Amino acid sequence: MKVILDGLGGERVAEACRQAVPLFLETHPKVLLQLAADRPTFAAVHAASTPALRERLSCLEAAERVEFSDKPVAALKAKPRSSIRLGIESLAKQPHTALVSFGHTGAAVAAACLYLGRAPGVSRPGLAAIVPHRRGHGLLMDVGANLKCSAGHLLDYALMARRYLGAALGIHEPRIGLLNIGEETGKGDRLLNRAHELFRAGCPGFCGNVEGYQIFDGSVDAVITAGLAGNMVLKAAESLAGMIFLRLDEEIAALGSREGADREALRRALEALAARHHPDARGACRLLGVNGVVLIGHGNAGPRAIVSGLQAALRELELGQMLTTGVSPET
């Protein structure tokens, strides 16, 4: 298997790659990694890697970067040597390969649509975030691929989420909820009311409207929303989780020496919890609805999040490139 990493996307990715790439390659001895980056960035990663790791590390030389302030489609046309465009174009030519980007989400989505193409039946792709809840894990979609969408697009997200949950989490009859300001039918704006009608008619397992707290209480397996709301919910939840982990760590550190044994036990428990649920543990989200395996993470990702995103890409490859990305009448 092979993973392409957008080495120029994100605020800290070029620097963080020096730690993340060697660590990833060390822990996955059969995986190839191609870094889409400029010469200085690749040279720094190459120098930080052992001779054995360098044999599985290659460069896709990019001379340009899509900035977060750029307009996605215009930037892809104006910057043909950008890391995300070259990475996606390379992905289209290589089997058993995934791409991970921590750069401009809109540019990554646009490049995937332009150079990979949409999966059958999909009008717009969506970002699917696996989130923890009381009973295990569920899905939140869309978390930022499209800030605005139609009721039909939301239905597409729900149908893609159903297929993905079956393959990724083994949930073959998922319960689907539509994020709203209340559970009652008729809540929300015209878009949500129309989406509610479409879900009732065309989405098996639809449970009705759900509120924000139900994302994490396990009452549904997937929560569907437009990308604007989904992105804000995800980032707020990750920030809250990070703050809680930090405060718990501070409280454990403040325990006196007489509580030393208890302190160590608590720290081990916290570390185990963080390994599963810290925001950096997931790394990146799968872009569903395109003809290939593309994952997108936060622009401020550090080494741990990059490694997690690359590991997530391997898991997605194991699911199969086309298994869960499209919408079909059988869904």
Protein backbone atom coordinates (compact mmCIF):
# COMPACT_ATOMS: atom_id res chain seq x y z
CA MET A 1 0.00 0.00 0.00
CA LYS A 2 1.01 3.58 -0.58
CA VAL A 3 0.04 6.93 0.92
CA ILE A 4 0.52 10.37 -0.62
CA LEU A 5 0.92 13.17 1.93
CA ASP A 6 0.24 16.78 0.98
CA GLY A 7 3.42 18.19 2.50
CA LEU A 8 2.64 21.85 1.86
CA GLY A 9 -0.93 21.93 3.16
CA GLY A 10 -1.61 23.18 6.67
CA GLU A 11 -0.07 25.72 8.97
CA ARG A 12 2.59 23.45 10.50
CA VAL A 13 2.64 20.41 8.26
CA ALA A 14 5.93 21.11 6.47
CA GLU A 15 7.72 21.31 9.83
CA ALA A 16 5.74 18.54 11.53
CA CYS A 17 6.48 16.12 8.67
CA ARG A 18 10.08 15.83 9.86
CA GLN A 19 8.85 13.99 12.95
CA ALA A 20 5.68 12.40 11.61
CA VAL A 21 6.91 10.74 8.42
CA PRO A 22 9.83 8.77 9.93
CA LEU A 23 7.65 7.66 12.84
CA PHE A 24 4.91 6.48 10.49
CA LEU A 25 7.30 4.60 8.24
CA GLU A 26 9.00 2.95 11.23
CA THR A 27 5.72 1.56 12.50
CA HIS A 28 4.48 0.45 9.04
CA PRO A 29 7.42 -1.36 7.40
CA LYS A 30 5.56 -2.42 4.26
CA VAL A 31 4.04 0.94 3.35
CA LEU A 32 5.37 3.41 0.78
CA LEU A 33 5.00 7.15 1.32
CA GLN A 34 5.16 9.86 -1.32
CA LEU A 35 5.53 13.43 -0.07
CA ALA A 36 4.05 16.15 -2.28
CA ALA A 37 6.28 19.06 -1.31
CA ASP A 38 8.99 21.45 -2.39
CA ARG A 39 12.65 20.43 -2.33
CA PRO A 40 13.54 22.00 1.06
CA THR A 41 10.61 20.30 2.81
CA PHE A 42 11.40 16.91 1.32
CA ALA A 43 15.12 17.33 2.05
CA ALA A 44 14.36 17.96 5.73
CA VAL A 45 12.17 14.85 5.96
CA HIS A 46 14.73 12.80 4.05
CA ALA A 47 17.51 13.91 6.40
CA ALA A 48 15.41 12.98 9.46
CA SER A 49 14.85 9.45 8.13
CA THR A 50 17.17 6.47 8.38
CA PRO A 51 18.66 4.94 5.20
CA ALA A 52 16.21 2.04 5.45
CA LEU A 53 13.22 4.38 5.67
CA ARG A 54 14.44 6.47 2.75
CA GLU A 55 14.00 3.45 0.48
CA ARG A 56 10.23 3.72 1.00
CA LEU A 57 10.09 7.53 0.83
CA SER A 58 9.74 9.43 -2.45
CA CYS A 59 9.11 13.00 -3.51
CA LEU A 60 6.39 14.41 -5.72
CA GLU A 61 7.98 17.78 -6.32
CA ALA A 62 5.56 20.67 -5.91
CA ALA A 63 6.48 24.30 -6.44
CA GLU A 64 3.27 25.93 -5.21
CA ARG A 65 0.92 25.85 -2.24
CA VAL A 66 -2.79 26.63 -2.04
CA GLU A 67 -3.18 29.19 0.73
CA PHE A 68 -6.13 29.13 3.09
CA SER A 69 -7.18 32.53 1.75
CA ASP A 70 -7.31 31.27 -1.87
CA LYS A 71 -10.50 30.47 -3.74
CA PRO A 72 -10.40 26.69 -4.29
CA VAL A 73 -11.13 26.21 -8.00
CA ALA A 74 -9.33 29.39 -9.05
CA ALA A 75 -6.25 28.35 -7.06
CA LEU A 76 -6.14 24.90 -8.65
CA LYS A 77 -6.19 26.48 -12.11
CA ALA A 78 -3.72 29.25 -11.24
CA LYS A 79 -1.32 26.91 -9.40
CA PRO A 80 -0.94 23.75 -11.51
CA ARG A 81 2.20 22.78 -9.55
CA SER A 82 0.48 23.02 -6.16
CA SER A 83 0.95 20.10 -3.78
CA ILE A 84 -2.74 19.23 -3.52
CA ARG A 85 -3.36 19.28 -7.29
CA LEU A 86 -0.27 17.20 -8.06
CA GLY A 87 -1.10 14.83 -5.22
CA ILE A 88 -4.66 14.20 -6.41
CA GLU A 89 -3.55 13.83 -10.03
CA SER A 90 -0.95 11.29 -8.93
CA LEU A 91 -3.54 9.46 -6.84
CA ALA A 92 -5.75 9.06 -9.91
CA LYS A 93 -2.98 7.07 -11.63
CA GLN A 94 -1.99 4.78 -8.75
CA PRO A 95 -3.94 1.76 -7.45
CA HIS A 96 -4.00 0.82 -3.76
CA THR A 97 -3.07 4.39 -2.83
CA ALA A 98 -4.61 7.00 -0.55
CA LEU A 99 -4.00 10.73 -0.14
CA VAL A 100 -3.98 12.70 3.11
CA SER A 101 -4.12 16.49 3.21
CA PHE A 102 -4.11 18.94 6.10
CA GLY A 103 -4.42 21.93 3.81
CA HIS A 104 -7.24 23.91 2.23
CA THR A 105 -10.35 21.72 2.53
CA GLY A 106 -12.15 23.37 -0.36
CA ALA A 107 -9.16 22.92 -2.65
CA ALA A 108 -8.81 19.25 -1.68
CA VAL A 109 -12.52 18.61 -2.31
CA ALA A 110 -12.46 20.50 -5.62
CA ALA A 111 -9.33 18.67 -6.78
CA ALA A 112 -10.87 15.31 -5.88
CA CYS A 113 -14.02 16.13 -7.84
CA LEU A 114 -12.09 17.46 -10.86
CA TYR A 115 -9.33 14.86 -11.14
CA LEU A 116 -10.83 11.75 -9.52
CA GLY A 117 -14.49 12.30 -10.33
CA ARG A 118 -17.58 11.79 -8.21
CA ALA A 119 -18.73 8.31 -7.31
CA PRO A 120 -21.89 6.97 -9.00
CA GLY A 121 -25.05 8.79 -7.93
CA VAL A 122 -23.24 11.44 -5.87
CA SER A 123 -23.97 15.10 -6.54
CA ARG A 124 -21.62 16.41 -3.84
CA PRO A 125 -19.05 14.56 -1.74
CA GLY A 126 -19.00 14.97 2.04
CA LEU A 127 -16.55 14.64 4.91
CA ALA A 128 -17.39 11.89 7.38
CA ALA A 129 -16.00 12.18 10.92
CA ILE A 130 -16.03 9.13 13.18
CA VAL A 131 -16.92 10.39 16.65
CA PRO A 132 -17.10 8.63 20.03
CA HIS A 133 -20.35 8.22 21.93
CA ARG A 134 -21.60 6.33 24.97
CA ARG A 135 -22.08 3.06 23.11
CA GLY A 136 -19.00 3.12 20.90
CA HIS A 137 -18.59 5.22 17.79
CA GLY A 138 -20.84 6.96 15.30
CA LEU A 139 -20.61 9.28 12.32
CA LEU A 140 -21.01 13.02 11.86
CA MET A 141 -21.38 14.15 8.23
CA ASP A 142 -20.74 16.61 6.59
CA VAL A 143 -17.99 18.32 8.61
CA GLY A 144 -16.82 20.86 6.08
CA ALA A 145 -16.70 19.67 2.46
CA ASN A 146 -19.65 21.90 1.52
CA LEU A 147 -20.70 24.89 3.58
CA LYS A 148 -24.05 25.14 1.82
CA CYS A 149 -26.14 22.33 0.46
CA SER A 150 -29.63 21.33 -0.64
CA ALA A 151 -32.02 18.89 0.99
CA GLY A 152 -31.07 16.41 -1.75
CA HIS A 153 -27.41 16.71 -0.85
CA LEU A 154 -28.22 15.94 2.78
CA LEU A 155 -30.05 12.81 1.65
CA ASP A 156 -26.96 11.80 -0.34
CA TYR A 157 -24.87 12.21 2.83
CA ALA A 158 -27.27 9.99 4.75
CA LEU A 159 -27.15 7.23 2.13
CA MET A 160 -23.36 7.38 1.93
CA ALA A 161 -23.17 7.30 5.72
CA ARG A 162 -25.27 4.12 5.78
CA ARG A 163 -22.89 2.29 3.46
CA TYR A 164 -19.80 3.60 5.21
CA LEU A 165 -21.02 2.62 8.68
CA GLY A 166 -21.56 -0.93 7.48
CA ALA A 167 -18.03 -1.24 6.13
CA ALA A 168 -16.10 0.84 8.65
CA LEU A 169 -17.89 0.06 11.91
CA GLY A 170 -19.92 -3.05 11.12
CA ILE A 171 -23.22 -1.24 11.67
CA HIS A 172 -25.38 -2.60 8.86
CA GLU A 173 -28.75 -1.23 9.95
CA PRO A 174 -27.73 2.21 11.25
CA ARG A 175 -30.01 4.71 12.91
CA ILE A 176 -29.82 8.04 11.05
CA GLY A 177 -30.63 11.43 12.55
CA LEU A 178 -30.94 14.89 10.98
CA LEU A 179 -29.29 17.61 13.08
CA ASN A 180 -31.81 20.28 14.06
CA ILE A 181 -32.70 22.65 16.91
CA GLY A 182 -35.35 20.27 18.22
CA GLU A 183 -36.61 16.73 17.76
CA GLU A 184 -40.15 17.64 16.74
CA THR A 185 -41.22 17.48 13.09
CA GLY A 186 -41.44 20.98 11.68
CA LYS A 187 -38.49 22.39 13.61
CA GLY A 188 -35.78 24.33 11.82
CA ASP A 189 -35.79 26.17 8.51
CA ARG A 190 -37.21 25.31 5.09
CA LEU A 191 -34.08 23.34 4.13
CA LEU A 192 -34.29 21.07 7.17
CA ASN A 193 -38.02 20.54 6.78
CA ARG A 194 -37.59 19.54 3.15
CA ALA A 195 -34.69 17.26 4.08
CA HIS A 196 -36.88 15.65 6.77
CA GLU A 197 -39.44 14.81 4.10
CA LEU A 198 -36.81 13.32 1.78
CA PHE A 199 -35.26 11.29 4.61
CA ARG A 200 -38.62 9.83 5.61
CA ALA A 201 -39.28 8.77 2.02
CA GLY A 202 -35.83 7.63 0.97
CA CYS A 203 -33.53 6.88 3.92
CA PRO A 204 -33.89 3.51 5.66
CA GLY A 205 -33.28 3.77 9.38
CA PHE A 206 -34.19 7.45 9.62
CA CYS A 207 -35.07 8.28 13.25
CA GLY A 208 -36.10 11.92 12.76
CA ASN A 209 -34.56 15.15 13.95
CA VAL A 210 -31.83 15.04 16.59
CA GLU A 211 -30.26 17.73 18.74
CA GLY A 212 -26.58 18.38 19.29
CA TYR A 213 -26.25 16.34 22.48
CA GLN A 214 -27.45 13.23 20.64
CA ILE A 215 -24.26 13.17 18.57
CA PHE A 216 -22.51 11.76 21.64
CA ASP A 217 -25.20 9.88 23.57
CA GLY A 218 -25.45 6.88 21.23
CA SER A 219 -29.14 7.30 20.42
CA VAL A 220 -28.28 7.34 16.68
CA ASP A 221 -25.39 5.97 14.64
CA ALA A 222 -25.05 8.87 12.20
CA VAL A 223 -25.94 12.55 12.45
CA ILE A 224 -26.34 14.35 9.13
CA THR A 225 -25.88 18.09 8.71
CA ALA A 226 -24.59 20.73 6.31
CA GLY A 227 -20.85 21.31 6.33
CA LEU A 228 -20.99 24.71 8.03
CA ALA A 229 -22.76 23.42 11.13
CA GLY A 230 -20.89 20.11 11.09
CA ASN A 231 -17.49 21.78 10.99
CA MET A 232 -18.33 24.10 13.88
CA VAL A 233 -19.73 21.24 15.96
CA LEU A 234 -16.66 19.07 15.34
CA LYS A 235 -14.14 21.78 16.17
CA ALA A 236 -16.04 22.84 19.30
CA ALA A 237 -16.20 19.22 20.48
CA GLU A 238 -12.49 18.68 19.81
CA SER A 239 -11.58 21.88 21.64
CA LEU A 240 -13.68 20.85 24.63
CA ALA A 241 -12.12 17.38 24.65
CA GLY A 242 -8.63 18.86 24.50
CA MET A 243 -9.38 21.22 27.37
CA ILE A 244 -10.77 18.39 29.52
CA PHE A 245 -7.69 16.23 28.91
CA LEU A 246 -5.45 19.16 29.80
CA ARG A 247 -7.31 19.93 33.04
CA LEU A 248 -7.33 16.27 34.07
CA ASP A 249 -3.60 16.07 33.45
CA GLU A 250 -3.03 19.16 35.58
CA GLU A 251 -5.16 17.78 38.42
CA ILE A 252 -3.29 14.45 38.37
CA ALA A 253 0.06 16.27 38.40
CA ALA A 254 -1.07 18.32 41.39
CA LEU A 255 -1.70 15.25 43.56
CA GLY A 256 0.72 15.06 46.51
CA SER A 257 3.34 12.39 47.08
CA ARG A 258 1.08 10.49 49.49
CA GLU A 259 -1.26 9.86 46.59
CA GLY A 260 1.62 8.71 44.35
CA ALA A 261 0.22 5.26 43.57
CA ASP A 262 -3.22 6.66 42.85
CA ARG A 263 -1.68 9.37 40.72
CA GLU A 264 0.15 6.87 38.51
CA ALA A 265 -2.96 4.75 38.14
CA LEU A 266 -4.98 7.81 37.15
CA ARG A 267 -2.32 8.90 34.67
CA ARG A 268 -2.28 5.48 33.02
CA ALA A 269 -6.07 5.61 32.75
CA LEU A 270 -5.91 9.10 31.25
CA GLU A 271 -3.27 8.06 28.73
CA ALA A 272 -5.37 5.08 27.66
CA LEU A 273 -8.41 7.32 27.27
CA ALA A 274 -6.45 9.90 25.30
CA ALA A 275 -5.09 7.22 22.97
CA ARG A 276 -8.67 6.46 21.94
CA HIS A 277 -10.47 9.79 22.16
CA HIS A 278 -8.00 12.69 21.99
CA PRO A 279 -8.73 14.85 18.90
CA ASP A 280 -5.30 13.98 17.46
CA ALA A 281 -6.02 10.24 17.70
CA ARG A 282 -8.26 10.23 14.60
CA GLY A 283 -6.11 12.56 12.50
CA ALA A 284 -8.22 13.00 9.37
CA CYS A 285 -11.70 12.37 7.97
CA ARG A 286 -12.66 10.36 4.89
CA LEU A 287 -14.06 12.25 1.94
CA LEU A 288 -16.98 10.14 0.78
CA GLY A 289 -18.40 10.42 -2.71
CA VAL A 290 -15.27 10.52 -4.91
CA ASN A 291 -13.49 7.82 -6.91
CA GLY A 292 -10.57 7.31 -4.58
CA VAL A 293 -9.41 7.33 -0.99
CA VAL A 294 -8.93 10.93 0.19
CA LEU A 295 -8.69 12.05 3.80
CA ILE A 296 -8.64 15.63 5.07
CA GLY A 297 -7.51 16.88 8.48
CA HIS A 298 -7.20 20.18 10.33
CA GLY A 299 -4.79 22.81 9.07
CA ASN A 300 -3.11 23.13 12.48
CA ALA A 301 -2.19 19.43 12.67
CA GLY A 302 0.99 18.52 14.51
CA PRO A 303 3.10 15.33 14.29
CA ARG A 304 0.69 13.13 16.25
CA ALA A 305 -2.33 14.12 14.16
CA ILE A 306 -0.37 13.59 10.94
CA VAL A 307 0.68 10.08 11.98
CA SER A 308 -2.92 9.31 12.98
CA GLY A 309 -4.19 10.62 9.65
CA LEU A 310 -1.74 8.45 7.73
CA GLN A 311 -2.77 5.42 9.79
CA ALA A 312 -6.42 6.22 9.10
CA ALA A 313 -5.61 6.22 5.38
CA LEU A 314 -4.31 2.65 5.65
CA ARG A 315 -7.53 1.56 7.35
CA GLU A 316 -9.56 3.20 4.59
CA LEU A 317 -7.54 1.40 1.94
CA GLU A 318 -8.32 -1.89 3.65
CA LEU A 319 -12.04 -1.10 3.33
CA GLY A 320 -11.69 -0.81 -0.42
CA GLN A 321 -11.47 2.29 -2.56
CA MET A 322 -15.02 2.19 -3.90
CA LEU A 323 -16.85 0.14 -1.28
CA THR A 324 -18.45 2.95 0.68
CA THR A 325 -18.17 6.11 -1.37
CA GLY A 326 -21.17 6.11 -3.66
CA VAL A 327 -24.95 6.19 -3.52
CA SER A 328 -26.93 3.40 -5.13
CA PRO A 329 -30.59 2.41 -5.31
CA GLU A 330 -29.82 -0.63 -3.14
CA THR A 331 -28.65 1.57 -0.24
